[in-house]
Amino acid sequence: MKRILGIDVGDKRIGIAVTDPLHITAQGVMTLKRRSREDDLLAFKELIEKYEIKTIVAGLPVSMDGSESAQTRKTINFCQFIKKRLNVEIIYEDERLTSVASEEILIAGNVSRQERKKYVDTLAAQLILQAYMERNKGSLS
């Protein structure tokens, strides 16, 4: 069974998570520091090969009222670039409040402010991917 990659796209960093082979849990993999589109593409190519990815679930940053924002358009543009260049399916998952939830989880775990910066994006990607899997339980294969 192919794994699914979950991403939380930001201007400076991209949080990355991946499913286990049976699509039961999502595990945080890393936070990618963005450099250029070509560098990001190379990093994604390596992740797709390493984990045998055919599908990417991308967190879609919509406003609280559900409307699109400038960040929504940036995320879609980046994902379409990845889709065209690496021939993967892109699925968008509403990511409202995942960064807030990630921050709260890390605070509850007594993670220092400096350490939280390292993990918040990866944890957000993990929450996005887990939400997608829970919503599609039974239909993933």
C-alpha atoms as a PDB file:
ATOM      1  CA  MET A   1       0.000   0.000   0.000  1.00  0.00           C
ATOM      2  CA  LYS A   2       1.386   3.388  -0.980  1.00  0.00           C
ATOM      3  CA  ARG A   3       1.893   5.929   1.748  1.00  0.00           C
ATOM      4  CA  ILE A   4       0.362   9.408   1.740  1.00  0.00           C
ATOM      5  CA  LEU A   5       2.397  12.548   2.325  1.00  0.00           C
ATOM      6  CA  GLY A   6       0.876  15.382   4.365  1.00  0.00           C
ATOM      7  CA  ILE A   7       2.179  18.926   4.050  1.00  0.00           C
ATOM      8  CA  ASP A   8       1.680  22.273   5.740  1.00  0.00           C
ATOM      9  CA  VAL A   9       2.975  24.869   3.266  1.00  0.00           C
ATOM     10  CA  GLY A  10       4.289  28.163   4.570  1.00  0.00           C
ATOM     11  CA  ASP A  11       6.377  30.925   3.048  1.00  0.00           C
ATOM     12  CA  LYS A  12       9.521  29.959   4.973  1.00  0.00           C
ATOM     13  CA  ARG A  13       8.926  26.340   5.985  1.00  0.00           C
ATOM     14  CA  ILE A  14       6.936  23.281   4.920  1.00  0.00           C
ATOM     15  CA  GLY A  15       5.879  20.798   7.575  1.00  0.00           C
ATOM     16  CA  ILE A  16       5.965  17.215   6.318  1.00  0.00           C
ATOM     17  CA  ALA A  17       4.269  14.082   7.644  1.00  0.00           C
ATOM     18  CA  VAL A  18       3.686  10.614   6.196  1.00  0.00           C
ATOM     19  CA  THR A  19       1.267   7.790   6.862  1.00  0.00           C
ATOM     20  CA  ASP A  20       2.386   4.424   8.077  1.00  0.00           C
ATOM     21  CA  PRO A  21       2.132   1.726   5.359  1.00  0.00           C
ATOM     22  CA  LEU A  22      -1.352   0.660   6.550  1.00  0.00           C
ATOM     23  CA  HIS A  23      -2.750   4.229   6.709  1.00  0.00           C
ATOM     24  CA  ILE A  24      -3.527   3.992  10.418  1.00  0.00           C
ATOM     25  CA  THR A  25      -1.394   6.842  11.756  1.00  0.00           C
ATOM     26  CA  ALA A  26       0.409   9.913  10.505  1.00  0.00           C
ATOM     27  CA  GLN A  27       3.960  10.540  11.655  1.00  0.00           C
ATOM     28  CA  GLY A  28       5.825  13.816  11.473  1.00  0.00           C
ATOM     29  CA  VAL A  29       8.892  13.541   9.258  1.00  0.00           C
ATOM     30  CA  MET A  30      10.546  16.941   9.104  1.00  0.00           C
ATOM     31  CA  THR A  31      10.249  20.653   8.581  1.00  0.00           C
ATOM     32  CA  LEU A  32      11.700  21.702   5.241  1.00  0.00           C
ATOM     33  CA  LYS A  33      13.282  25.147   5.207  1.00  0.00           C
ATOM     34  CA  ARG A  34      12.307  26.692   1.896  1.00  0.00           C
ATOM     35  CA  ARG A  35      15.017  28.018  -0.390  1.00  0.00           C
ATOM     36  CA  SER A  36      13.870  28.050  -4.015  1.00  0.00           C
ATOM     37  CA  ARG A  37      11.147  26.255  -5.947  1.00  0.00           C
ATOM     38  CA  GLU A  38      13.740  23.988  -7.550  1.00  0.00           C
ATOM     39  CA  ASP A  39      15.273  23.112  -4.152  1.00  0.00           C
ATOM     40  CA  ASP A  40      11.789  22.421  -2.771  1.00  0.00           C
ATOM     41  CA  LEU A  41      11.050  20.269  -5.826  1.00  0.00           C
ATOM     42  CA  LEU A  42      14.217  18.230  -5.303  1.00  0.00           C
ATOM     43  CA  ALA A  43      13.356  17.673  -1.625  1.00  0.00           C
ATOM     44  CA  PHE A  44       9.849  16.512  -2.574  1.00  0.00           C
ATOM     45  CA  LYS A  45      11.219  14.234  -5.278  1.00  0.00           C
ATOM     46  CA  GLU A  46      13.445  12.543  -2.680  1.00  0.00           C
ATOM     47  CA  LEU A  47      10.561  12.179  -0.198  1.00  0.00           C
ATOM     48  CA  ILE A  48       8.246  10.746  -2.871  1.00  0.00           C
ATOM     49  CA  GLU A  49      10.848   8.179  -3.867  1.00  0.00           C
ATOM     50  CA  LYS A  50      11.801   7.285  -0.300  1.00  0.00           C
ATOM     51  CA  TYR A  51       8.216   6.746   0.900  1.00  0.00           C
ATOM     52  CA  GLU A  52       6.704   5.629  -2.449  1.00  0.00           C
ATOM     53  CA  ILE A  53       4.161   8.452  -2.458  1.00  0.00           C
ATOM     54  CA  LYS A  54       1.382   8.797  -5.041  1.00  0.00           C
ATOM     55  CA  THR A  55      -0.830  11.220  -3.094  1.00  0.00           C
ATOM     56  CA  ILE A  56      -0.117  14.417  -1.178  1.00  0.00           C
ATOM     57  CA  VAL A  57      -2.616  15.896   1.263  1.00  0.00           C
ATOM     58  CA  ALA A  58      -1.940  19.615   1.508  1.00  0.00           C
ATOM     59  CA  GLY A  59      -3.345  21.794   4.245  1.00  0.00           C
ATOM     60  CA  LEU A  60      -5.426  24.536   2.641  1.00  0.00           C
ATOM     61  CA  PRO A  61      -5.213  27.759   4.644  1.00  0.00           C
ATOM     62  CA  VAL A  62      -8.663  29.299   4.298  1.00  0.00           C
ATOM     63  CA  SER A  63     -10.010  32.144   6.397  1.00  0.00           C
ATOM     64  CA  MET A  64     -12.217  31.365   9.379  1.00  0.00           C
ATOM     65  CA  ASP A  65     -15.276  32.174   7.221  1.00  0.00           C
ATOM     66  CA  GLY A  66     -14.074  29.671   4.590  1.00  0.00           C
ATOM     67  CA  SER A  67     -12.986  32.255   2.030  1.00  0.00           C
ATOM     68  CA  GLU A  68      -9.689  32.172   0.158  1.00  0.00           C
ATOM     69  CA  SER A  69      -6.748  34.326   1.180  1.00  0.00           C
ATOM     70  CA  ALA A  70      -3.428  35.240  -0.426  1.00  0.00           C
ATOM     71  CA  GLN A  71      -1.866  32.274   1.425  1.00  0.00           C
ATOM     72  CA  THR A  72      -4.556  29.965   0.001  1.00  0.00           C
ATOM     73  CA  ARG A  73      -3.551  30.960  -3.540  1.00  0.00           C
ATOM     74  CA  LYS A  74       0.176  30.571  -2.747  1.00  0.00           C
ATOM     75  CA  THR A  75      -0.436  27.067  -1.404  1.00  0.00           C
ATOM     76  CA  ILE A  76      -2.492  26.031  -4.441  1.00  0.00           C
ATOM     77  CA  ASN A  77       0.125  27.454  -6.838  1.00  0.00           C
ATOM     78  CA  PHE A  78       2.931  25.575  -5.078  1.00  0.00           C
ATOM     79  CA  CYS A  79       0.951  22.324  -5.003  1.00  0.00           C
ATOM     80  CA  GLN A  80       0.077  22.583  -8.698  1.00  0.00           C
ATOM     81  CA  PHE A  81       3.784  23.095  -9.443  1.00  0.00           C
ATOM     82  CA  ILE A  82       4.630  19.913  -7.489  1.00  0.00           C
ATOM     83  CA  LYS A  83       1.769  18.012  -9.136  1.00  0.00           C
ATOM     84  CA  LYS A  84       2.876  18.899 -12.670  1.00  0.00           C
ATOM     85  CA  ARG A  85       6.557  18.255 -12.097  1.00  0.00           C
ATOM     86  CA  LEU A  86       6.327  15.073 -10.010  1.00  0.00           C
ATOM     87  CA  ASN A  87       3.095  13.500 -11.264  1.00  0.00           C
ATOM     88  CA  VAL A  88       1.383  13.107  -7.888  1.00  0.00           C
ATOM     89  CA  GLU A  89      -2.225  13.543  -6.862  1.00  0.00           C
ATOM     90  CA  ILE A  90      -2.918  16.558  -4.652  1.00  0.00           C
ATOM     91  CA  ILE A  91      -5.813  16.561  -2.188  1.00  0.00           C
ATOM     92  CA  TYR A  92      -6.593  19.677  -0.170  1.00  0.00           C
ATOM     93  CA  GLU A  93      -7.619  19.437   3.473  1.00  0.00           C
ATOM     94  CA  ASP A  94      -8.970  22.396   5.455  1.00  0.00           C
ATOM     95  CA  GLU A  95      -6.224  23.323   7.877  1.00  0.00           C
ATOM     96  CA  ARG A  96      -8.006  25.952   9.951  1.00  0.00           C
ATOM     97  CA  LEU A  97      -6.546  26.060  13.457  1.00  0.00           C
ATOM     98  CA  THR A  98      -4.008  23.244  12.945  1.00  0.00           C
ATOM     99  CA  SER A  99      -1.104  25.568  13.709  1.00  0.00           C
ATOM    100  CA  VAL A 100      -2.899  26.767  16.840  1.00  0.00           C
ATOM    101  CA  ALA A 101      -3.605  23.163  17.865  1.00  0.00           C
ATOM    102  CA  SER A 102       0.037  22.246  17.204  1.00  0.00           C
ATOM    103  CA  GLU A 103       1.232  25.109  19.366  1.00  0.00           C
ATOM    104  CA  GLU A 104      -1.149  24.088  22.175  1.00  0.00           C
ATOM    105  CA  ILE A 105       0.008  20.453  22.043  1.00  0.00           C
ATOM    106  CA  LEU A 106       3.648  21.518  22.262  1.00  0.00           C
ATOM    107  CA  ILE A 107       2.937  23.922  25.123  1.00  0.00           C
ATOM    108  CA  ALA A 108       1.054  21.180  26.991  1.00  0.00           C
ATOM    109  CA  GLY A 109       4.116  18.988  26.521  1.00  0.00           C
ATOM    110  CA  ASN A 110       6.286  21.675  28.177  1.00  0.00           C
ATOM    111  CA  VAL A 111       8.270  22.235  24.968  1.00  0.00           C
ATOM    112  CA  SER A 112      10.234  25.489  25.154  1.00  0.00           C
ATOM    113  CA  ARG A 113       9.383  28.368  22.813  1.00  0.00           C
ATOM    114  CA  GLN A 114      12.620  27.855  20.875  1.00  0.00           C
ATOM    115  CA  GLU A 115      11.992  24.121  20.461  1.00  0.00           C
ATOM    116  CA  ARG A 116       8.346  24.712  19.473  1.00  0.00           C
ATOM    117  CA  LYS A 117       9.513  26.666  16.421  1.00  0.00           C
ATOM    118  CA  LYS A 118      11.328  23.547  15.218  1.00  0.00           C
ATOM    119  CA  TYR A 119       8.302  21.254  15.492  1.00  0.00           C
ATOM    120  CA  VAL A 120       5.124  23.293  14.988  1.00  0.00           C
ATOM    121  CA  ASP A 121       5.048  22.931  11.176  1.00  0.00           C
ATOM    122  CA  THR A 122       5.760  19.203  11.223  1.00  0.00           C
ATOM    123  CA  LEU A 123       3.077  18.663  13.854  1.00  0.00           C
ATOM    124  CA  ALA A 124       0.602  20.753  11.831  1.00  0.00           C
ATOM    125  CA  ALA A 125       1.288  18.527   8.784  1.00  0.00           C
ATOM    126  CA  GLN A 126       0.734  15.475  10.954  1.00  0.00           C
ATOM    127  CA  LEU A 127      -2.614  16.831  12.218  1.00  0.00           C
ATOM    128  CA  ILE A 128      -3.726  17.680   8.656  1.00  0.00           C
ATOM    129  CA  LEU A 129      -2.862  14.191   7.430  1.00  0.00           C
ATOM    130  CA  GLN A 130      -4.450  12.466  10.432  1.00  0.00           C
ATOM    131  CA  ALA A 131      -7.679  14.484   9.944  1.00  0.00           C
ATOM    132  CA  TYR A 132      -7.785  13.431   6.292  1.00  0.00           C
ATOM    133  CA  MET A 133      -7.266   9.771   7.198  1.00  0.00           C
ATOM    134  CA  GLU A 134      -9.954   9.848   9.910  1.00  0.00           C
ATOM    135  CA  ARG A 135     -12.440  11.442   7.522  1.00  0.00           C
ATOM    136  CA  ASN A 136     -11.709   8.840   4.841  1.00  0.00           C
ATOM    137  CA  LYS A 137     -11.390   5.797   7.093  1.00  0.00           C
ATOM    138  CA  GLY A 138     -12.297   2.654   5.194  1.00  0.00           C
ATOM    139  CA  SER A 139     -11.868   4.197   1.752  1.00  0.00           C
ATOM    140  CA  LEU A 140      -8.075   4.546   1.724  1.00  0.00           C
ATOM    141  CA  SER A 141      -6.165   1.864  -0.119  1.00  0.00           C
END
